[in-house]
Amino acid sequence: MSLYRPPAFASDDRAAIARLFDEHPFATLITAGAGEPQVSHLPLLHQSTPGPHGSLIGHMARANPHWRHFGDGATLAIFHGPHAYVSPSWYAEPASQVPTWNYAVVHVLGRAEVVADRAATLATLQQLIERFEGRRTTPWRLQLEGARLDAMVGAIVAFEIAIERIDAKLKLSQNKDEADRRRVASGLRKEAFADATATADWMDREAGSD
């Protein structure tokens, strides 16, 4: 499950990786095994500890068979950042260029383990709620109690992934000269849709970090 990363686009920038985790927490989770790979789409939170790369936490429906395969092999989490089509017409010499796609992505490889403890499962749930509700003016809070809370907790499976490797790829026209990069960023902003604008923003931030 390796990621093709030409040197121009490979990144070990911890700040950029953390920003992608924060801005795009909805990930694709893949667990390999002897049979068909298990795939789920769900939000994951990065924790700075334990280990040199930290861990990911999340939960899924107990009815989802994916968690039963965590022991079958490595689990890969793919965090998809902004992405957008790049037209050759935006370059200074369009005839010598070809269409391409700019994007930011982070692959996280590790071993997923089920959190069996009820208190730890609730803690995972509360962390996710706080992450997505805490910044709101009137945040929603979990108020279930008793049998209803037990039923809800029983219907999910919390898990943690001890991270073994992080591979980031920021394909943001780094292989072009500064003038063409500015042209591409300008062209993306004129597309007037969210992902194109976000891709241009990432291009500007990465250029500023060079």
C-alpha atoms as a PDB file:
ATOM      1  CA  MET A   1       0.000   0.000   0.000  1.00  0.00           C
ATOM      2  CA  SER A   2       2.740   2.420  -0.979  1.00  0.00           C
ATOM      3  CA  LEU A   3       2.057   5.891  -2.344  1.00  0.00           C
ATOM      4  CA  TYR A   4       3.829   7.050  -5.517  1.00  0.00           C
ATOM      5  CA  ARG A   5       5.644  10.219  -4.469  1.00  0.00           C
ATOM      6  CA  PRO A   6       7.976  11.879  -6.980  1.00  0.00           C
ATOM      7  CA  PRO A   7      10.573  13.941  -5.076  1.00  0.00           C
ATOM      8  CA  ALA A   8       9.017  17.258  -6.175  1.00  0.00           C
ATOM      9  CA  PHE A   9       5.715  16.354  -4.512  1.00  0.00           C
ATOM     10  CA  ALA A  10       6.808  14.326  -1.456  1.00  0.00           C
ATOM     11  CA  SER A  11       6.377  16.231   1.793  1.00  0.00           C
ATOM     12  CA  ASP A  12       7.422  15.689   5.396  1.00  0.00           C
ATOM     13  CA  ASP A  13       6.134  19.102   6.477  1.00  0.00           C
ATOM     14  CA  ARG A  14       4.516  18.355   9.837  1.00  0.00           C
ATOM     15  CA  ALA A  15       2.593  21.633   9.853  1.00  0.00           C
ATOM     16  CA  ALA A  16       1.081  20.912   6.416  1.00  0.00           C
ATOM     17  CA  ILE A  17       0.194  17.347   7.448  1.00  0.00           C
ATOM     18  CA  ALA A  18      -1.434  18.558  10.664  1.00  0.00           C
ATOM     19  CA  ARG A  19      -3.380  21.179   8.689  1.00  0.00           C
ATOM     20  CA  LEU A  20      -4.698  18.540   6.297  1.00  0.00           C
ATOM     21  CA  PHE A  21      -5.731  16.312   9.226  1.00  0.00           C
ATOM     22  CA  ASP A  22      -7.578  19.261  10.746  1.00  0.00           C
ATOM     23  CA  GLU A  23      -9.215  20.642   7.607  1.00  0.00           C
ATOM     24  CA  HIS A  24     -10.085  17.281   6.002  1.00  0.00           C
ATOM     25  CA  PRO A  25     -10.742  14.734   8.777  1.00  0.00           C
ATOM     26  CA  PHE A  26     -13.160  12.602   6.719  1.00  0.00           C
ATOM     27  CA  ALA A  27     -10.959   9.705   5.632  1.00  0.00           C
ATOM     28  CA  THR A  28     -11.082   6.500   3.608  1.00  0.00           C
ATOM     29  CA  LEU A  29     -10.140   3.555   5.843  1.00  0.00           C
ATOM     30  CA  ILE A  30      -8.835   0.395   4.171  1.00  0.00           C
ATOM     31  CA  THR A  31      -7.853  -2.840   5.897  1.00  0.00           C
ATOM     32  CA  ALA A  32      -6.063  -5.424   3.785  1.00  0.00           C
ATOM     33  CA  GLY A  33      -6.443  -9.133   4.384  1.00  0.00           C
ATOM     34  CA  ALA A  34      -6.509 -12.519   2.784  1.00  0.00           C
ATOM     35  CA  GLY A  35      -9.851 -11.808   1.140  1.00  0.00           C
ATOM     36  CA  GLU A  36     -11.447  -8.672  -0.233  1.00  0.00           C
ATOM     37  CA  PRO A  37     -10.138  -5.455   1.388  1.00  0.00           C
ATOM     38  CA  GLN A  38     -12.492  -3.775   3.843  1.00  0.00           C
ATOM     39  CA  VAL A  39     -13.259  -0.122   3.093  1.00  0.00           C
ATOM     40  CA  SER A  40     -15.086   2.460   5.222  1.00  0.00           C
ATOM     41  CA  HIS A  41     -15.464   6.235   5.025  1.00  0.00           C
ATOM     42  CA  LEU A  42     -15.518   8.050   8.344  1.00  0.00           C
ATOM     43  CA  PRO A  43     -14.004  10.923  10.352  1.00  0.00           C
ATOM     44  CA  LEU A  44     -10.738  10.243  12.168  1.00  0.00           C
ATOM     45  CA  LEU A  45      -8.896  12.362  14.715  1.00  0.00           C
ATOM     46  CA  HIS A  46      -5.123  12.496  14.969  1.00  0.00           C
ATOM     47  CA  GLN A  47      -3.654  12.222  18.467  1.00  0.00           C
ATOM     48  CA  SER A  48      -0.063  13.376  19.020  1.00  0.00           C
ATOM     49  CA  THR A  49       0.696  10.447  21.349  1.00  0.00           C
ATOM     50  CA  PRO A  50       1.587   7.631  21.774  1.00  0.00           C
ATOM     51  CA  GLY A  51       4.544   6.799  19.525  1.00  0.00           C
ATOM     52  CA  PRO A  52       6.631   8.986  17.212  1.00  0.00           C
ATOM     53  CA  HIS A  53       3.754   9.547  14.783  1.00  0.00           C
ATOM     54  CA  GLY A  54       0.865   9.483  17.243  1.00  0.00           C
ATOM     55  CA  SER A  55      -2.368   7.635  16.570  1.00  0.00           C
ATOM     56  CA  LEU A  56      -5.769   7.947  14.932  1.00  0.00           C
ATOM     57  CA  ILE A  57      -9.046   7.404  16.744  1.00  0.00           C
ATOM     58  CA  GLY A  58     -12.542   6.876  15.416  1.00  0.00           C
ATOM     59  CA  HIS A  59     -15.596   4.662  15.542  1.00  0.00           C
ATOM     60  CA  MET A  60     -17.869   2.809  13.169  1.00  0.00           C
ATOM     61  CA  ALA A  61     -21.191   0.987  13.336  1.00  0.00           C
ATOM     62  CA  ARG A  62     -20.974  -2.392  15.053  1.00  0.00           C
ATOM     63  CA  ALA A  63     -22.999  -3.748  12.113  1.00  0.00           C
ATOM     64  CA  ASN A  64     -20.112  -2.814   9.800  1.00  0.00           C
ATOM     65  CA  PRO A  65     -17.979  -5.991   9.372  1.00  0.00           C
ATOM     66  CA  HIS A  66     -14.840  -3.925   8.781  1.00  0.00           C
ATOM     67  CA  TRP A  67     -13.726  -3.851  12.428  1.00  0.00           C
ATOM     68  CA  ARG A  68     -13.765  -7.634  12.618  1.00  0.00           C
ATOM     69  CA  HIS A  69     -10.912  -7.664  10.067  1.00  0.00           C
ATOM     70  CA  PHE A  70      -8.554  -5.322  11.918  1.00  0.00           C
ATOM     71  CA  GLY A  71      -6.409  -8.317  12.861  1.00  0.00           C
ATOM     72  CA  ASP A  72      -6.074  -9.467   9.234  1.00  0.00           C
ATOM     73  CA  GLY A  73      -3.359  -6.993   8.299  1.00  0.00           C
ATOM     74  CA  ALA A  74      -2.318  -3.375   8.121  1.00  0.00           C
ATOM     75  CA  THR A  75      -4.895  -0.580   7.963  1.00  0.00           C
ATOM     76  CA  LEU A  76      -4.480   2.432   5.706  1.00  0.00           C
ATOM     77  CA  ALA A  77      -6.237   5.758   6.284  1.00  0.00           C
ATOM     78  CA  ILE A  78      -6.329   8.146   3.330  1.00  0.00           C
ATOM     79  CA  PHE A  79      -7.010  11.808   4.071  1.00  0.00           C
ATOM     80  CA  HIS A  80      -8.107  13.590   0.909  1.00  0.00           C
ATOM     81  CA  GLY A  81      -7.264  17.279   0.809  1.00  0.00           C
ATOM     82  CA  PRO A  82      -8.409  19.778  -1.835  1.00  0.00           C
ATOM     83  CA  HIS A  83      -7.989  18.855  -5.490  1.00  0.00           C
ATOM     84  CA  ALA A  84      -8.746  20.423  -8.856  1.00  0.00           C
ATOM     85  CA  TYR A  85      -8.141  20.087 -12.590  1.00  0.00           C
ATOM     86  CA  VAL A  86      -5.324  22.179 -14.059  1.00  0.00           C
ATOM     87  CA  SER A  87      -5.753  23.394 -17.647  1.00  0.00           C
ATOM     88  CA  PRO A  88      -2.712  23.722 -19.962  1.00  0.00           C
ATOM     89  CA  SER A  89      -4.212  27.029 -21.110  1.00  0.00           C
ATOM     90  CA  TRP A  90      -3.084  28.636 -17.841  1.00  0.00           C
ATOM     91  CA  TYR A  91       0.639  28.254 -18.568  1.00  0.00           C
ATOM     92  CA  ALA A  92       2.834  30.745 -20.408  1.00  0.00           C
ATOM     93  CA  GLU A  93       3.452  28.133 -23.129  1.00  0.00           C
ATOM     94  CA  PRO A  94       0.191  26.105 -23.334  1.00  0.00           C
ATOM     95  CA  ALA A  95       1.246  24.112 -26.403  1.00  0.00           C
ATOM     96  CA  SER A  96       4.085  22.450 -24.507  1.00  0.00           C
ATOM     97  CA  GLN A  97       1.924  21.449 -21.522  1.00  0.00           C
ATOM     98  CA  VAL A  98      -0.624  18.716 -20.826  1.00  0.00           C
ATOM     99  CA  PRO A  99      -3.721  18.587 -18.582  1.00  0.00           C
ATOM    100  CA  THR A 100      -3.089  17.511 -15.001  1.00  0.00           C
ATOM    101  CA  TRP A 101      -4.617  17.525 -11.525  1.00  0.00           C
ATOM    102  CA  ASN A 102      -3.327  19.294  -8.418  1.00  0.00           C
ATOM    103  CA  TYR A 103      -4.091  17.819  -5.012  1.00  0.00           C
ATOM    104  CA  ALA A 104      -3.007  17.271  -1.414  1.00  0.00           C
ATOM    105  CA  VAL A 105      -3.279  13.858   0.226  1.00  0.00           C
ATOM    106  CA  VAL A 106      -1.921  12.084   3.304  1.00  0.00           C
ATOM    107  CA  HIS A 107      -1.671   8.300   3.710  1.00  0.00           C
ATOM    108  CA  VAL A 108      -1.426   6.911   7.239  1.00  0.00           C
ATOM    109  CA  LEU A 109      -0.426   3.272   7.755  1.00  0.00           C
ATOM    110  CA  GLY A 110      -0.761   1.366  11.007  1.00  0.00           C
ATOM    111  CA  ARG A 111      -2.448  -1.373  12.999  1.00  0.00           C
ATOM    112  CA  ALA A 112      -6.026  -0.819  14.117  1.00  0.00           C
ATOM    113  CA  GLU A 113      -7.235  -2.182  17.434  1.00  0.00           C
ATOM    114  CA  VAL A 114     -10.753  -2.225  18.824  1.00  0.00           C
ATOM    115  CA  VAL A 115     -11.372  -0.240  22.010  1.00  0.00           C
ATOM    116  CA  ALA A 116     -13.307  -2.734  24.113  1.00  0.00           C
ATOM    117  CA  ASP A 117     -13.698  -0.638  27.266  1.00  0.00           C
ATOM    118  CA  ARG A 118     -17.048   1.210  27.560  1.00  0.00           C
ATOM    119  CA  ALA A 119     -15.498   4.271  29.220  1.00  0.00           C
ATOM    120  CA  ALA A 120     -12.835   4.515  26.501  1.00  0.00           C
ATOM    121  CA  THR A 121     -15.500   4.160  23.810  1.00  0.00           C
ATOM    122  CA  LEU A 122     -17.449   7.030  25.358  1.00  0.00           C
ATOM    123  CA  ALA A 123     -14.267   9.090  25.583  1.00  0.00           C
ATOM    124  CA  THR A 124     -13.626   8.560  21.857  1.00  0.00           C
ATOM    125  CA  LEU A 125     -17.186   9.595  21.075  1.00  0.00           C
ATOM    126  CA  GLN A 126     -16.891  12.712  23.245  1.00  0.00           C
ATOM    127  CA  GLN A 127     -13.627  13.705  21.546  1.00  0.00           C
ATOM    128  CA  LEU A 128     -15.275  13.483  18.135  1.00  0.00           C
ATOM    129  CA  ILE A 129     -18.282  15.477  19.340  1.00  0.00           C
ATOM    130  CA  GLU A 130     -16.025  18.144  20.825  1.00  0.00           C
ATOM    131  CA  ARG A 131     -13.998  18.365  17.599  1.00  0.00           C
ATOM    132  CA  PHE A 132     -17.014  18.946  15.364  1.00  0.00           C
ATOM    133  CA  GLU A 133     -19.335  20.767  17.792  1.00  0.00           C
ATOM    134  CA  GLY A 134     -16.911  22.668  20.018  1.00  0.00           C
ATOM    135  CA  ARG A 135     -16.338  25.531  17.580  1.00  0.00           C
ATOM    136  CA  ARG A 136     -20.048  26.225  17.117  1.00  0.00           C
ATOM    137  CA  THR A 137     -21.868  29.088  18.835  1.00  0.00           C
ATOM    138  CA  THR A 138     -24.387  26.697  20.372  1.00  0.00           C
ATOM    139  CA  PRO A 139     -22.685  23.280  20.347  1.00  0.00           C
ATOM    140  CA  TRP A 140     -24.741  20.109  20.622  1.00  0.00           C
ATOM    141  CA  ARG A 141     -23.911  17.884  23.594  1.00  0.00           C
ATOM    142  CA  LEU A 142     -24.543  14.196  24.162  1.00  0.00           C
ATOM    143  CA  GLN A 143     -27.383  14.000  26.687  1.00  0.00           C
ATOM    144  CA  LEU A 144     -28.461  10.364  26.484  1.00  0.00           C
ATOM    145  CA  GLU A 145     -28.551   8.443  29.745  1.00  0.00           C
ATOM    146  CA  GLY A 146     -29.294   4.974  31.056  1.00  0.00           C
ATOM    147  CA  ALA A 147     -30.588   2.373  28.638  1.00  0.00           C
ATOM    148  CA  ARG A 148     -30.605   4.753  25.669  1.00  0.00           C
ATOM    149  CA  LEU A 149     -26.930   5.602  26.190  1.00  0.00           C
ATOM    150  CA  ASP A 150     -26.074   1.922  26.623  1.00  0.00           C
ATOM    151  CA  ALA A 151     -27.877   1.089  23.375  1.00  0.00           C
ATOM    152  CA  MET A 152     -26.033   3.808  21.496  1.00  0.00           C
ATOM    153  CA  VAL A 153     -22.624   2.770  22.851  1.00  0.00           C
ATOM    154  CA  GLY A 154     -23.432  -0.858  22.086  1.00  0.00           C
ATOM    155  CA  ALA A 155     -24.211   0.018  18.468  1.00  0.00           C
ATOM    156  CA  ILE A 156     -20.726   1.392  17.740  1.00  0.00           C
ATOM    157  CA  VAL A 157     -17.160   0.130  17.861  1.00  0.00           C
ATOM    158  CA  ALA A 158     -14.407   2.571  18.792  1.00  0.00           C
ATOM    159  CA  PHE A 159     -10.880   1.914  17.591  1.00  0.00           C
ATOM    160  CA  GLU A 160      -7.361   3.315  17.640  1.00  0.00           C
ATOM    161  CA  ILE A 161      -4.676   3.060  14.970  1.00  0.00           C
ATOM    162  CA  ALA A 162      -1.068   3.149  16.147  1.00  0.00           C
ATOM    163  CA  ILE A 163       0.630   4.991  13.289  1.00  0.00           C
ATOM    164  CA  GLU A 164       3.647   3.290  11.749  1.00  0.00           C
ATOM    165  CA  ARG A 165       4.148   5.581   8.749  1.00  0.00           C
ATOM    166  CA  ILE A 166       2.834   8.838   7.293  1.00  0.00           C
ATOM    167  CA  ASP A 167       3.245   9.594   3.596  1.00  0.00           C
ATOM    168  CA  ALA A 168       2.178  13.043   2.403  1.00  0.00           C
ATOM    169  CA  LYS A 169       1.942  14.086  -1.235  1.00  0.00           C
ATOM    170  CA  LEU A 170       1.354  17.717  -2.108  1.00  0.00           C
ATOM    171  CA  LYS A 171       1.107  17.949  -5.891  1.00  0.00           C
ATOM    172  CA  LEU A 172       0.832  21.710  -6.214  1.00  0.00           C
ATOM    173  CA  SER A 173       2.778  22.622  -9.365  1.00  0.00           C
ATOM    174  CA  GLN A 174       6.139  22.578  -7.562  1.00  0.00           C
ATOM    175  CA  ASN A 175       7.676  21.268 -10.802  1.00  0.00           C
ATOM    176  CA  LYS A 176       6.776  24.515 -12.591  1.00  0.00           C
ATOM    177  CA  ASP A 177       8.480  27.886 -12.397  1.00  0.00           C
ATOM    178  CA  GLU A 178       7.135  30.613 -10.138  1.00  0.00           C
ATOM    179  CA  ALA A 179       5.355  32.493 -12.937  1.00  0.00           C
ATOM    180  CA  ASP A 180       3.456  29.410 -14.093  1.00  0.00           C
ATOM    181  CA  ARG A 181       2.567  28.512 -10.522  1.00  0.00           C
ATOM    182  CA  ARG A 182       1.033  31.970 -10.106  1.00  0.00           C
ATOM    183  CA  ARG A 183      -0.872  31.504 -13.378  1.00  0.00           C
ATOM    184  CA  VAL A 184      -2.229  28.137 -12.213  1.00  0.00           C
ATOM    185  CA  ALA A 185      -3.293  29.515  -8.832  1.00  0.00           C
ATOM    186  CA  SER A 186      -5.033  32.431 -10.562  1.00  0.00           C
ATOM    187  CA  GLY A 187      -6.759  30.084 -12.995  1.00  0.00           C
ATOM    188  CA  LEU A 188      -7.984  27.901 -10.130  1.00  0.00           C
ATOM    189  CA  ARG A 189      -9.470  30.896  -8.311  1.00  0.00           C
ATOM    190  CA  LYS A 190     -11.371  31.894 -11.439  1.00  0.00           C
ATOM    191  CA  GLU A 191     -13.016  28.441 -11.508  1.00  0.00           C
ATOM    192  CA  ALA A 192     -15.133  29.694  -8.604  1.00  0.00           C
ATOM    193  CA  PHE A 193     -15.758  26.440  -6.786  1.00  0.00           C
ATOM    194  CA  ALA A 194     -14.600  25.494  -3.308  1.00  0.00           C
ATOM    195  CA  ASP A 195     -12.053  22.782  -4.079  1.00  0.00           C
ATOM    196  CA  ALA A 196     -10.348  24.837  -6.784  1.00  0.00           C
ATOM    197  CA  THR A 197     -10.062  27.848  -4.460  1.00  0.00           C
ATOM    198  CA  ALA A 198      -8.786  25.650  -1.622  1.00  0.00           C
ATOM    199  CA  THR A 199      -6.190  24.100  -3.946  1.00  0.00           C
ATOM    200  CA  ALA A 200      -4.984  27.588  -4.893  1.00  0.00           C
ATOM    201  CA  ASP A 201      -4.768  28.474  -1.190  1.00  0.00           C
ATOM    202  CA  TRP A 202      -2.606  25.408  -0.564  1.00  0.00           C
ATOM    203  CA  MET A 203      -0.404  26.388  -3.510  1.00  0.00           C
ATOM    204  CA  ASP A 204       0.086  29.853  -1.995  1.00  0.00           C
ATOM    205  CA  ARG A 205       0.850  28.481   1.479  1.00  0.00           C
ATOM    206  CA  GLU A 206       3.359  25.946   0.191  1.00  0.00           C
ATOM    207  CA  ALA A 207       5.052  28.596  -1.929  1.00  0.00           C
ATOM    208  CA  GLY A 208       5.347  30.739   1.180  1.00  0.00           C
ATOM    209  CA  SER A 209       6.981  27.914   3.113  1.00  0.00           C
ATOM    210  CA  ASP A 210       9.755  27.308   0.548  1.00  0.00           C
END
